[in-house]
Amino acid sequence: MKNFNSIKKNSDFQKVYKNGKSYANRNLVMYVIKNSEKMSRIGISVSKKVGNSVVRHRITRLIRECYRLNESRIKNHYDIVVVVRVQASNADYHELLKSYLHLCKLHGILADVE
């Protein structure tokens, strides 16, 4: 399994929440801030309000997959935190992918590699 660039420390999450810019849609909220790393990192936050552990882990895996498949399109040097909304508990992969890419476009972090 390939090493996954993720945000793990609570202090990193808090820095992105406090200083980052956010956009939201029906399923997701995305916070983005520039970092000093060579690569972009992603953090995924799923509240217990969304569902039980099975539902939360399923959504986390789907969002991680959205990031993994589009990682080459995302510009480097960004910390991204994705907060899952309650409505996303019924969403399938394609709906989450559409929401994820929509927020990436709003933030302007998608590279022109289409």
Protein backbone atom coordinates (compact mmCIF):
# COMPACT_ATOMS: atom_id res chain seq x y z
CA MET A 1 0.00 0.00 0.00
CA LYS A 2 1.35 3.40 -1.01
CA ASN A 3 2.12 5.97 1.67
CA PHE A 4 -0.77 8.40 1.97
CA ASN A 5 -0.08 12.09 2.64
CA SER A 6 -2.53 12.97 5.36
CA ILE A 7 -2.94 15.46 8.17
CA LYS A 8 -2.82 13.62 11.48
CA LYS A 9 -2.05 16.12 14.25
CA ASN A 10 -4.85 18.03 15.93
CA SER A 11 -2.70 21.18 15.83
CA ASP A 12 -2.47 20.92 12.02
CA PHE A 13 -6.25 20.52 11.76
CA GLN A 14 -6.77 23.54 14.01
CA LYS A 15 -4.35 25.66 11.96
CA VAL A 16 -6.28 24.86 8.79
CA TYR A 17 -9.64 25.56 10.47
CA LYS A 18 -8.46 28.86 11.93
CA ASN A 19 -6.45 30.28 9.03
CA GLY A 20 -7.79 28.46 5.98
CA LYS A 21 -10.47 29.49 3.53
CA SER A 22 -13.60 27.39 3.38
CA TYR A 23 -16.22 26.58 0.79
CA ALA A 24 -19.13 24.21 1.21
CA ASN A 25 -21.72 22.35 -0.78
CA ARG A 26 -24.46 19.91 0.12
CA ASN A 27 -22.21 17.00 1.11
CA LEU A 28 -18.86 18.48 2.11
CA VAL A 29 -17.08 21.47 3.60
CA MET A 30 -13.49 22.03 2.45
CA TYR A 31 -10.87 24.14 4.19
CA VAL A 32 -7.66 24.93 2.30
CA ILE A 33 -4.45 26.65 3.34
CA LYS A 34 -0.96 26.85 1.82
CA ASN A 35 1.73 24.79 3.54
CA SER A 36 5.51 24.57 3.38
CA GLU A 37 5.56 20.86 2.47
CA LYS A 38 6.55 19.61 -0.98
CA MET A 39 3.23 17.80 -1.44
CA SER A 40 -0.38 18.49 -0.62
CA ARG A 41 -1.91 16.74 2.38
CA ILE A 42 -5.51 15.89 3.17
CA GLY A 43 -7.36 15.47 6.43
CA ILE A 44 -10.85 14.01 6.63
CA SER A 45 -13.24 14.73 9.50
CA VAL A 46 -16.45 12.74 9.89
CA SER A 47 -18.64 13.46 12.91
CA LYS A 48 -20.61 10.84 14.82
CA LYS A 49 -23.73 12.70 13.67
CA VAL A 50 -23.12 11.29 10.19
CA GLY A 51 -23.68 7.69 11.28
CA ASN A 52 -22.19 4.71 13.01
CA SER A 53 -18.57 3.66 12.57
CA VAL A 54 -19.31 1.57 9.48
CA VAL A 55 -20.90 4.54 7.69
CA ARG A 56 -18.17 6.96 8.82
CA HIS A 57 -15.33 4.69 7.66
CA ARG A 58 -17.06 4.03 4.33
CA ILE A 59 -17.33 7.75 3.64
CA THR A 60 -13.72 8.29 4.73
CA ARG A 61 -12.55 5.60 2.31
CA LEU A 62 -14.59 7.11 -0.53
CA ILE A 63 -13.19 10.61 0.03
CA ARG A 64 -9.65 9.24 0.33
CA GLU A 65 -10.21 7.49 -3.01
CA CYS A 66 -11.48 10.74 -4.57
CA TYR A 67 -8.27 12.42 -3.43
CA ARG A 68 -6.03 9.54 -4.53
CA LEU A 69 -7.43 9.34 -8.06
CA ASN A 70 -7.23 13.11 -8.55
CA GLU A 71 -3.97 13.71 -6.67
CA SER A 72 -2.08 14.50 -9.87
CA ARG A 73 -4.61 17.25 -10.67
CA ILE A 74 -4.24 18.97 -7.28
CA LYS A 75 -1.61 21.67 -6.98
CA ASN A 76 1.22 21.09 -4.51
CA HIS A 77 1.85 22.95 -1.24
CA TYR A 78 -1.70 22.81 0.17
CA ASP A 79 -3.27 21.42 3.33
CA ILE A 80 -6.84 20.33 2.67
CA VAL A 81 -9.36 19.42 5.37
CA VAL A 82 -12.63 17.86 4.24
CA VAL A 83 -15.50 17.91 6.73
CA VAL A 84 -18.35 15.55 5.88
CA ARG A 85 -21.91 16.77 6.33
CA VAL A 86 -24.80 14.58 7.52
CA GLN A 87 -26.39 14.51 4.03
CA ALA A 88 -23.35 12.65 2.71
CA SER A 89 -24.26 9.50 4.65
CA ASN A 90 -26.57 8.43 1.80
CA ALA A 91 -24.27 9.57 -1.02
CA ASP A 92 -22.54 7.17 -3.36
CA TYR A 93 -18.99 7.49 -4.72
CA HIS A 94 -19.92 9.47 -7.83
CA GLU A 95 -21.90 12.03 -5.85
CA LEU A 96 -19.03 12.50 -3.38
CA LEU A 97 -16.53 12.78 -6.25
CA LYS A 98 -18.66 15.47 -7.88
CA SER A 99 -18.89 17.39 -4.59
CA TYR A 100 -15.15 17.03 -3.95
CA LEU A 101 -14.13 18.27 -7.42
CA HIS A 102 -16.64 21.12 -7.21
CA LEU A 103 -15.01 22.38 -4.01
CA CYS A 104 -11.52 21.94 -5.47
CA LYS A 105 -12.54 24.15 -8.40
CA LEU A 106 -13.97 26.79 -6.06
CA HIS A 107 -10.69 26.89 -4.14
CA GLY A 108 -8.69 27.02 -7.37
CA ILE A 109 -6.43 24.13 -6.40
CA LEU A 110 -7.04 22.03 -9.51
CA ALA A 111 -4.18 22.21 -11.97
CA ASP A 112 -4.96 22.68 -15.65
CA VAL A 113 -4.34 19.02 -16.48
CA GLU A 114 -7.69 17.88 -17.81
